[in-house]
Full PDB file with SEQRES, HELIX, SHEET, SSBOND, CRYST1, ORIGX, SCALE, CONECT and MASTER records, all heavy atoms in Angstrom:
SEQRES   1 A   34  ALA SER GLN THR LEU GLN THR ALA CYS GLN GLN THR CYS          
SEQRES   2 A   34  PRO THR GLN ALA ILE VAL PHE GLY ASP LEU SER ARG ALA          
SEQRES   3 A   34  ASP SER GLY LEU HIS TYR GLN ARG                              
HELIX    1 AA1 SER A    2  THR A    4  5                                   3    
HELIX    2 AA2 ALA A    8  THR A   12  1                                   5    
HELIX    3 AA3 GLY A   29  GLN A   33  1                                   5    
CRYST1    1.000    1.000    1.000  90.00  90.00  90.00 P 1           1          
ORIGX1      1.000000  0.000000  0.000000        0.00000                         
ORIGX2      0.000000  1.000000  0.000000        0.00000                         
ORIGX3      0.000000  0.000000  1.000000        0.00000                         
SCALE1      1.000000  0.000000  0.000000        0.00000                         
SCALE2      0.000000  1.000000  0.000000        0.00000                         
SCALE3      0.000000  0.000000  1.000000        0.00000                         
ATOM      1  N   ALA A   1      23.709  23.392 -56.320  1.00  0.00           N  
ATOM      2  CA  ALA A   1      24.815  23.643 -57.302  1.00  0.00           C  
ATOM      3  C   ALA A   1      24.502  22.784 -58.563  1.00  0.00           C  
ATOM      4  O   ALA A   1      24.253  21.642 -58.486  1.00  0.00           O  
ATOM      5  CB  ALA A   1      26.167  23.315 -56.696  1.00  0.00           C  
ATOM      6  N   SER A   2      24.583  23.509 -59.724  1.00  0.00           N  
ATOM      7  CA  SER A   2      24.218  22.837 -60.955  1.00  0.00           C  
ATOM      8  C   SER A   2      25.174  21.731 -61.255  1.00  0.00           C  
ATOM      9  O   SER A   2      24.766  20.691 -61.916  1.00  0.00           O  
ATOM     10  CB  SER A   2      24.216  23.839 -62.104  1.00  0.00           C  
ATOM     11  OG  SER A   2      25.486  24.434 -62.314  1.00  0.00           O  
ATOM     12  N   GLN A   3      26.419  21.730 -60.867  1.00  0.00           N  
ATOM     13  CA  GLN A   3      27.357  20.633 -61.165  1.00  0.00           C  
ATOM     14  C   GLN A   3      27.085  19.457 -60.317  1.00  0.00           C  
ATOM     15  O   GLN A   3      27.536  18.363 -60.697  1.00  0.00           O  
ATOM     16  CB  GLN A   3      28.810  21.112 -61.094  1.00  0.00           C  
ATOM     17  CG  GLN A   3      29.278  21.653 -59.781  1.00  0.00           C  
ATOM     18  CD  GLN A   3      29.002  23.137 -59.586  1.00  0.00           C  
ATOM     19  OE1 GLN A   3      28.194  23.742 -60.280  1.00  0.00           O  
ATOM     20  NE2 GLN A   3      29.736  23.708 -58.676  1.00  0.00           N  
ATOM     21  N   THR A   4      26.347  19.577 -59.179  1.00  0.00           N  
ATOM     22  CA  THR A   4      26.158  18.364 -58.367  1.00  0.00           C  
ATOM     23  C   THR A   4      24.897  17.628 -58.784  1.00  0.00           C  
ATOM     24  O   THR A   4      24.745  16.464 -58.400  1.00  0.00           O  
ATOM     25  CB  THR A   4      25.838  18.790 -56.899  1.00  0.00           C  
ATOM     26  OG1 THR A   4      24.743  19.667 -56.773  1.00  0.00           O  
ATOM     27  CG2 THR A   4      27.090  19.510 -56.313  1.00  0.00           C  
ATOM     28  N   LEU A   5      24.070  18.208 -59.622  1.00  0.00           N  
ATOM     29  CA  LEU A   5      22.848  17.539 -60.100  1.00  0.00           C  
ATOM     30  C   LEU A   5      23.008  17.107 -61.537  1.00  0.00           C  
ATOM     31  O   LEU A   5      23.230  17.963 -62.440  1.00  0.00           O  
ATOM     32  CB  LEU A   5      21.663  18.476 -59.981  1.00  0.00           C  
ATOM     33  CG  LEU A   5      20.333  18.046 -60.491  1.00  0.00           C  
ATOM     34  CD1 LEU A   5      19.852  16.760 -59.799  1.00  0.00           C  
ATOM     35  CD2 LEU A   5      19.287  19.155 -60.347  1.00  0.00           C  
ATOM     36  N   GLN A   6      23.011  15.814 -61.778  1.00  0.00           N  
ATOM     37  CA  GLN A   6      23.046  15.316 -63.093  1.00  0.00           C  
ATOM     38  C   GLN A   6      21.993  14.235 -63.317  1.00  0.00           C  
ATOM     39  O   GLN A   6      21.914  13.306 -62.462  1.00  0.00           O  
ATOM     40  CB  GLN A   6      24.380  14.648 -63.375  1.00  0.00           C  
ATOM     41  CG  GLN A   6      25.507  15.703 -63.633  1.00  0.00           C  
ATOM     42  CD  GLN A   6      26.739  15.042 -64.146  1.00  0.00           C  
ATOM     43  OE1 GLN A   6      27.067  13.902 -63.897  1.00  0.00           O  
ATOM     44  NE2 GLN A   6      27.480  15.777 -64.940  1.00  0.00           N  
ATOM     45  N   THR A   7      21.322  14.263 -64.404  1.00  0.00           N  
ATOM     46  CA  THR A   7      20.389  13.161 -64.705  1.00  0.00           C  
ATOM     47  C   THR A   7      21.179  11.975 -65.251  1.00  0.00           C  
ATOM     48  O   THR A   7      22.333  12.150 -65.648  1.00  0.00           O  
ATOM     49  CB  THR A   7      19.353  13.610 -65.844  1.00  0.00           C  
ATOM     50  OG1 THR A   7      20.093  13.988 -67.013  1.00  0.00           O  
ATOM     51  CG2 THR A   7      18.518  14.755 -65.328  1.00  0.00           C  
ATOM     52  N   ALA A   8      20.583  10.796 -65.351  1.00  0.00           N  
ATOM     53  CA  ALA A   8      21.323   9.654 -65.820  1.00  0.00           C  
ATOM     54  C   ALA A   8      21.767   9.787 -67.291  1.00  0.00           C  
ATOM     55  O   ALA A   8      22.881   9.446 -67.643  1.00  0.00           O  
ATOM     56  CB  ALA A   8      20.448   8.371 -65.679  1.00  0.00           C  
ATOM     57  N   CYS A   9      20.912  10.365 -68.030  1.00  0.00           N  
ATOM     58  CA  CYS A   9      21.318  10.520 -69.517  1.00  0.00           C  
ATOM     59  C   CYS A   9      22.468  11.608 -69.676  1.00  0.00           C  
ATOM     60  O   CYS A   9      23.343  11.392 -70.491  1.00  0.00           O  
ATOM     61  CB  CYS A   9      20.124  10.972 -70.384  1.00  0.00           C  
ATOM     62  SG  CYS A   9      19.307  12.479 -69.849  1.00  0.00           S  
ATOM     63  N   GLN A  10      22.388  12.568 -68.828  1.00  0.00           N  
ATOM     64  CA  GLN A  10      23.462  13.577 -68.803  1.00  0.00           C  
ATOM     65  C   GLN A  10      24.823  12.972 -68.331  1.00  0.00           C  
ATOM     66  O   GLN A  10      25.860  13.224 -68.900  1.00  0.00           O  
ATOM     67  CB  GLN A  10      23.100  14.760 -67.965  1.00  0.00           C  
ATOM     68  CG  GLN A  10      24.111  15.844 -67.867  1.00  0.00           C  
ATOM     69  CD  GLN A  10      23.700  16.961 -66.898  1.00  0.00           C  
ATOM     70  OE1 GLN A  10      22.702  16.883 -66.218  1.00  0.00           O  
ATOM     71  NE2 GLN A  10      24.477  18.028 -66.860  1.00  0.00           N  
ATOM     72  N   GLN A  11      24.755  12.114 -67.310  1.00  0.00           N  
ATOM     73  CA  GLN A  11      25.913  11.463 -66.796  1.00  0.00           C  
ATOM     74  C   GLN A  11      26.585  10.518 -67.738  1.00  0.00           C  
ATOM     75  O   GLN A  11      27.788  10.453 -67.827  1.00  0.00           O  
ATOM     76  CB  GLN A  11      25.549  10.752 -65.478  1.00  0.00           C  
ATOM     77  CG  GLN A  11      26.676  10.058 -64.820  1.00  0.00           C  
ATOM     78  CD  GLN A  11      26.225   9.302 -63.559  1.00  0.00           C  
ATOM     79  OE1 GLN A  11      25.119   9.512 -63.095  1.00  0.00           O  
ATOM     80  NE2 GLN A  11      27.051   8.461 -63.033  1.00  0.00           N  
ATOM     81  N   THR A  12      25.771   9.833 -68.543  1.00  0.00           N  
ATOM     82  CA  THR A  12      26.276   8.842 -69.385  1.00  0.00           C  
ATOM     83  C   THR A  12      26.591   9.303 -70.850  1.00  0.00           C  
ATOM     84  O   THR A  12      27.237   8.605 -71.602  1.00  0.00           O  
ATOM     85  CB  THR A  12      25.362   7.594 -69.534  1.00  0.00           C  
ATOM     86  OG1 THR A  12      24.101   8.061 -70.045  1.00  0.00           O  
ATOM     87  CG2 THR A  12      25.194   6.961 -68.194  1.00  0.00           C  
ATOM     88  N   CYS A  13      26.231  10.518 -71.143  1.00  0.00           N  
ATOM     89  CA  CYS A  13      26.409  11.051 -72.532  1.00  0.00           C  
ATOM     90  C   CYS A  13      27.952  11.305 -72.731  1.00  0.00           C  
ATOM     91  O   CYS A  13      28.528  12.088 -72.127  1.00  0.00           O  
ATOM     92  CB  CYS A  13      25.676  12.331 -72.762  1.00  0.00           C  
ATOM     93  SG  CYS A  13      25.848  13.009 -74.423  1.00  0.00           S  
ATOM     94  N   PRO A  14      28.571  10.612 -73.718  1.00  0.00           N  
ATOM     95  CA  PRO A  14      29.997  10.684 -73.887  1.00  0.00           C  
ATOM     96  C   PRO A  14      30.428  12.099 -74.479  1.00  0.00           C  
ATOM     97  O   PRO A  14      31.542  12.597 -74.292  1.00  0.00           O  
ATOM     98  CB  PRO A  14      30.388   9.592 -74.886  1.00  0.00           C  
ATOM     99  CG  PRO A  14      29.120   9.285 -75.548  1.00  0.00           C  
ATOM    100  CD  PRO A  14      27.976   9.617 -74.580  1.00  0.00           C  
ATOM    101  N   THR A  15      29.485  12.807 -75.141  1.00  0.00           N  
ATOM    102  CA  THR A  15      29.836  14.053 -75.726  1.00  0.00           C  
ATOM    103  C   THR A  15      29.400  15.270 -74.933  1.00  0.00           C  
ATOM    104  O   THR A  15      29.568  16.412 -75.354  1.00  0.00           O  
ATOM    105  CB  THR A  15      29.137  14.191 -77.121  1.00  0.00           C  
ATOM    106  OG1 THR A  15      27.741  14.107 -76.940  1.00  0.00           O  
ATOM    107  CG2 THR A  15      29.602  13.093 -78.115  1.00  0.00           C  
ATOM    108  N   GLN A  16      28.805  14.997 -73.766  1.00  0.00           N  
ATOM    109  CA  GLN A  16      28.264  16.048 -72.863  1.00  0.00           C  
ATOM    110  C   GLN A  16      27.292  16.979 -73.567  1.00  0.00           C  
ATOM    111  O   GLN A  16      27.378  18.214 -73.419  1.00  0.00           O  
ATOM    112  CB  GLN A  16      29.409  16.804 -72.197  1.00  0.00           C  
ATOM    113  CG  GLN A  16      30.304  15.939 -71.385  1.00  0.00           C  
ATOM    114  CD  GLN A  16      31.488  16.644 -70.748  1.00  0.00           C  
ATOM    115  OE1 GLN A  16      31.796  17.778 -71.100  1.00  0.00           O  
ATOM    116  NE2 GLN A  16      32.144  16.001 -69.813  1.00  0.00           N  
ATOM    117  N   ALA A  17      26.447  16.462 -74.433  1.00  0.00           N  
ATOM    118  CA  ALA A  17      25.546  17.145 -75.214  1.00  0.00           C  
ATOM    119  C   ALA A  17      24.288  17.524 -74.385  1.00  0.00           C  
ATOM    120  O   ALA A  17      23.501  18.340 -74.890  1.00  0.00           O  
ATOM    121  CB  ALA A  17      25.157  16.418 -76.453  1.00  0.00           C  
ATOM    122  N   ILE A  18      24.149  16.882 -73.266  1.00  0.00           N  
ATOM    123  CA  ILE A  18      22.882  17.110 -72.455  1.00  0.00           C  
ATOM    124  C   ILE A  18      23.225  17.994 -71.285  1.00  0.00           C  
ATOM    125  O   ILE A  18      24.101  17.663 -70.566  1.00  0.00           O  
ATOM    126  CB  ILE A  18      22.250  15.749 -71.949  1.00  0.00           C  
ATOM    127  CG1 ILE A  18      21.939  14.836 -73.205  1.00  0.00           C  
ATOM    128  CG2 ILE A  18      21.068  15.933 -71.071  1.00  0.00           C  
ATOM    129  CD1 ILE A  18      21.616  13.417 -72.815  1.00  0.00           C  
ATOM    130  N   VAL A  19      22.504  19.096 -71.173  1.00  0.00           N  
ATOM    131  CA  VAL A  19      22.666  20.073 -70.074  1.00  0.00           C  
ATOM    132  C   VAL A  19      21.425  20.101 -69.286  1.00  0.00           C  
ATOM    133  O   VAL A  19      20.310  20.265 -69.901  1.00  0.00           O  
ATOM    134  CB  VAL A  19      23.097  21.424 -70.603  1.00  0.00           C  
ATOM    135  CG1 VAL A  19      23.321  22.436 -69.524  1.00  0.00           C  
ATOM    136  CG2 VAL A  19      24.306  21.303 -71.486  1.00  0.00           C  
ATOM    137  N   PHE A  20      21.542  20.142 -67.993  1.00  0.00           N  
ATOM    138  CA  PHE A  20      20.358  20.175 -67.138  1.00  0.00           C  
ATOM    139  C   PHE A  20      20.692  21.192 -66.058  1.00  0.00           C  
ATOM    140  O   PHE A  20      21.734  21.239 -65.484  1.00  0.00           O  
ATOM    141  CB  PHE A  20      20.170  18.804 -66.467  1.00  0.00           C  
ATOM    142  CG  PHE A  20      18.892  18.686 -65.659  1.00  0.00           C  
ATOM    143  CD1 PHE A  20      17.728  18.382 -66.252  1.00  0.00           C  
ATOM    144  CD2 PHE A  20      18.954  18.839 -64.220  1.00  0.00           C  
ATOM    145  CE1 PHE A  20      16.524  18.260 -65.506  1.00  0.00           C  
ATOM    146  CE2 PHE A  20      17.770  18.665 -63.536  1.00  0.00           C  
ATOM    147  CZ  PHE A  20      16.590  18.441 -64.107  1.00  0.00           C  
ATOM    148  N   GLY A  21      19.683  22.128 -65.765  1.00  0.00           N  
ATOM    149  CA  GLY A  21      19.960  23.099 -64.720  1.00  0.00           C  
ATOM    150  C   GLY A  21      18.796  24.008 -64.462  1.00  0.00           C  
ATOM    151  O   GLY A  21      17.661  23.766 -64.882  1.00  0.00           O  
ATOM    152  N   ASP A  22      19.006  25.046 -63.750  1.00  0.00           N  
ATOM    153  CA  ASP A  22      18.082  25.959 -63.294  1.00  0.00           C  
ATOM    154  C   ASP A  22      18.017  27.209 -64.237  1.00  0.00           C  
ATOM    155  O   ASP A  22      19.032  27.960 -64.297  1.00  0.00           O  
ATOM    156  CB  ASP A  22      18.370  26.423 -61.873  1.00  0.00           C  
ATOM    157  CG  ASP A  22      17.301  27.310 -61.236  1.00  0.00           C  
ATOM    158  OD1 ASP A  22      16.310  27.594 -61.920  1.00  0.00           O  
ATOM    159  OD2 ASP A  22      17.454  27.670 -60.069  1.00  0.00           O  
ATOM    160  N   LEU A  23      16.975  27.352 -64.956  1.00  0.00           N  
ATOM    161  CA  LEU A  23      16.846  28.520 -65.908  1.00  0.00           C  
ATOM    162  C   LEU A  23      16.729  29.812 -65.219  1.00  0.00           C  
ATOM    163  O   LEU A  23      17.073  30.879 -65.832  1.00  0.00           O  
ATOM    164  CB  LEU A  23      15.602  28.345 -66.796  1.00  0.00           C  
ATOM    165  CG  LEU A  23      15.688  27.337 -67.949  1.00  0.00           C  
ATOM    166  CD1 LEU A  23      14.372  27.220 -68.624  1.00  0.00           C  
ATOM    167  CD2 LEU A  23      16.795  27.821 -68.963  1.00  0.00           C  
ATOM    168  N   SER A  24      16.305  29.843 -63.957  1.00  0.00           N  
ATOM    169  CA  SER A  24      16.181  31.185 -63.319  1.00  0.00           C  
ATOM    170  C   SER A  24      17.470  31.780 -62.887  1.00  0.00           C  
ATOM    171  O   SER A  24      17.555  32.912 -62.495  1.00  0.00           O  
ATOM    172  CB  SER A  24      15.272  31.016 -62.032  1.00  0.00           C  
ATOM    173  OG  SER A  24      15.779  30.158 -61.097  1.00  0.00           O  
ATOM    174  N   ARG A  25      18.529  31.017 -62.891  1.00  0.00           N  
ATOM    175  CA  ARG A  25      19.866  31.494 -62.461  1.00  0.00           C  
ATOM    176  C   ARG A  25      20.576  32.024 -63.739  1.00  0.00           C  
ATOM    177  O   ARG A  25      20.902  31.243 -64.640  1.00  0.00           O  
ATOM    178  CB  ARG A  25      20.711  30.467 -61.815  1.00  0.00           C  
ATOM    179  CG  ARG A  25      20.044  30.026 -60.472  1.00  0.00           C  
ATOM    180  CD  ARG A  25      20.766  28.969 -59.805  1.00  0.00           C  
ATOM    181  NE  ARG A  25      22.179  29.361 -59.560  1.00  0.00           N  
ATOM    182  CZ  ARG A  25      23.084  28.534 -59.125  1.00  0.00           C  
ATOM    183  NH1 ARG A  25      22.773  27.262 -58.880  1.00  0.00           N  
ATOM    184  NH2 ARG A  25      24.363  28.953 -58.941  1.00  0.00           N  
ATOM    185  N   ALA A  26      20.846  33.324 -63.799  1.00  0.00           N  
ATOM    186  CA  ALA A  26      21.443  33.931 -64.965  1.00  0.00           C  
ATOM    187  C   ALA A  26      22.944  33.555 -65.109  1.00  0.00           C  
ATOM    188  O   ALA A  26      23.558  33.662 -66.177  1.00  0.00           O  
ATOM    189  CB  ALA A  26      21.368  35.475 -64.838  1.00  0.00           C  
ATOM    190  N   ASP A  27      23.581  33.052 -64.005  1.00  0.00           N  
ATOM    191  CA  ASP A  27      25.013  32.650 -64.117  1.00  0.00           C  
ATOM    192  C   ASP A  27      25.192  31.179 -64.590  1.00  0.00           C  
ATOM    193  O   ASP A  27      26.294  30.811 -64.828  1.00  0.00           O  
ATOM    194  CB  ASP A  27      25.695  32.839 -62.732  1.00  0.00           C  
ATOM    195  CG  ASP A  27      25.040  31.899 -61.687  1.00  0.00           C  
ATOM    196  OD1 ASP A  27      23.891  31.444 -61.858  1.00  0.00           O  
ATOM    197  OD2 ASP A  27      25.728  31.663 -60.611  1.00  0.00           O  
ATOM    198  N   SER A  28      24.107  30.519 -64.891  1.00  0.00           N  
ATOM    199  CA  SER A  28      24.298  29.136 -65.358  1.00  0.00           C  
ATOM    200  C   SER A  28      24.543  29.083 -66.858  1.00  0.00           C  
ATOM    201  O   SER A  28      24.117  29.925 -67.575  1.00  0.00           O  
ATOM    202  CB  SER A  28      23.059  28.280 -65.017  1.00  0.00           C  
ATOM    203  OG  SER A  28      21.942  28.721 -65.835  1.00  0.00           O  
ATOM    204  N   GLY A  29      25.251  28.088 -67.294  1.00  0.00           N  
ATOM    205  CA  GLY A  29      25.529  27.824 -68.681  1.00  0.00           C  
ATOM    206  C   GLY A  29      24.219  27.573 -69.505  1.00  0.00           C  
ATOM    207  O   GLY A  29      24.154  27.942 -70.664  1.00  0.00           O  
ATOM    208  N   LEU A  30      23.299  26.999 -68.820  1.00  0.00           N  
ATOM    209  CA  LEU A  30      22.024  26.695 -69.414  1.00  0.00           C  
ATOM    210  C   LEU A  30      21.266  27.994 -69.810  1.00  0.00           C  
ATOM    211  O   LEU A  30      20.699  28.104 -70.951  1.00  0.00           O  
ATOM    212  CB  LEU A  30      21.106  25.908 -68.490  1.00  0.00           C  
ATOM    213  CG  LEU A  30      19.749  25.447 -68.952  1.00  0.00           C  
ATOM    214  CD1 LEU A  30      19.999  24.466 -70.174  1.00  0.00           C  
ATOM    215  CD2 LEU A  30      18.970  24.840 -67.916  1.00  0.00           C  
ATOM    216  N   HIS A  31      21.336  28.953 -69.004  1.00  0.00           N  
ATOM    217  CA  HIS A  31      20.683  30.254 -69.303  1.00  0.00           C  
ATOM    218  C   HIS A  31      21.293  30.876 -70.557  1.00  0.00           C  
ATOM    219  O   HIS A  31      20.567  31.410 -71.405  1.00  0.00           O  
ATOM    220  CB  HIS A  31      20.884  31.222 -68.132  1.00  0.00           C  
ATOM    221  CG  HIS A  31      20.141  32.553 -68.252  1.00  0.00           C  
ATOM    222  ND1 HIS A  31      18.776  32.648 -68.099  1.00  0.00           N  
ATOM    223  CD2 HIS A  31      20.625  33.761 -68.571  1.00  0.00           C  
ATOM    224  CE1 HIS A  31      18.397  33.879 -68.415  1.00  0.00           C  
ATOM    225  NE2 HIS A  31      19.499  34.577 -68.648  1.00  0.00           N  
ATOM    226  N   TYR A  32      22.608  30.823 -70.672  1.00  0.00           N  
ATOM    227  CA  TYR A  32      23.304  31.364 -71.831  1.00  0.00           C  
ATOM    228  C   TYR A  32      22.904  30.588 -73.100  1.00  0.00           C  
ATOM    229  O   TYR A  32      22.622  31.142 -74.145  1.00  0.00           O  
ATOM    230  CB  TYR A  32      24.823  31.306 -71.636  1.00  0.00           C  
ATOM    231  CG  TYR A  32      25.620  31.500 -72.921  1.00  0.00           C  
ATOM    232  CD1 TYR A  32      25.771  32.770 -73.366  1.00  0.00           C  
ATOM    233  CD2 TYR A  32      26.227  30.485 -73.566  1.00  0.00           C  
ATOM    234  CE1 TYR A  32      26.431  33.047 -74.580  1.00  0.00           C  
ATOM    235  CE2 TYR A  32      26.912  30.679 -74.718  1.00  0.00           C  
ATOM    236  CZ  TYR A  32      27.048  32.011 -75.226  1.00  0.00           C  
ATOM    237  OH  TYR A  32      27.696  32.222 -76.363  1.00  0.00           O  
ATOM    238  N   GLN A  33      22.784  29.304 -72.996  1.00  0.00           N  
ATOM    239  CA  GLN A  33      22.484  28.480 -74.236  1.00  0.00           C  
ATOM    240  C   GLN A  33      21.062  28.779 -74.675  1.00  0.00           C  
ATOM    241  O   GLN A  33      20.758  28.739 -75.770  1.00  0.00           O  
ATOM    242  CB  GLN A  33      22.684  27.001 -73.868  1.00  0.00           C  
ATOM    243  CG  GLN A  33      24.079  26.618 -73.802  1.00  0.00           C  
ATOM    244  CD  GLN A  33      24.303  25.159 -73.426  1.00  0.00           C  
ATOM    245  OE1 GLN A  33      23.379  24.490 -73.123  1.00  0.00           O  
ATOM    246  NE2 GLN A  33      25.531  24.692 -73.523  1.00  0.00           N  
ATOM    247  N   ARG A  34      20.158  29.051 -73.727  1.00  0.00           N  
ATOM    248  CA  ARG A  34      18.738  29.359 -74.082  1.00  0.00           C  
ATOM    249  C   ARG A  34      18.652  30.680 -74.877  1.00  0.00           C  
ATOM    250  O   ARG A  34      17.692  30.868 -75.551  1.00  0.00           O  
ATOM    251  CB  ARG A  34      17.862  29.325 -72.899  1.00  0.00           C  
ATOM    252  CG  ARG A  34      17.604  27.980 -72.249  1.00  0.00           C  
ATOM    253  CD  ARG A  34      16.709  27.143 -73.021  1.00  0.00           C  
ATOM    254  NE  ARG A  34      15.363  27.553 -73.121  1.00  0.00           N  
ATOM    255  CZ  ARG A  34      14.331  26.932 -72.534  1.00  0.00           C  
ATOM    256  NH1 ARG A  34      14.474  25.888 -71.773  1.00  0.00           N  
ATOM    257  NH2 ARG A  34      13.123  27.408 -72.718  1.00  0.00           N  
TER     258      ARG A  34                                                      
MASTER        0    0    0    3    0    0    0    6  257    1    0    3          
END                                                                             
């Protein structure tokens, strides 16, 4: 699950500007942003 996996920089970013995830999943927010 994309919400269970967070890198340290993503976890500590106060503005939530860092997104990490699986590009092959079309339902992820990362896919939309790309």
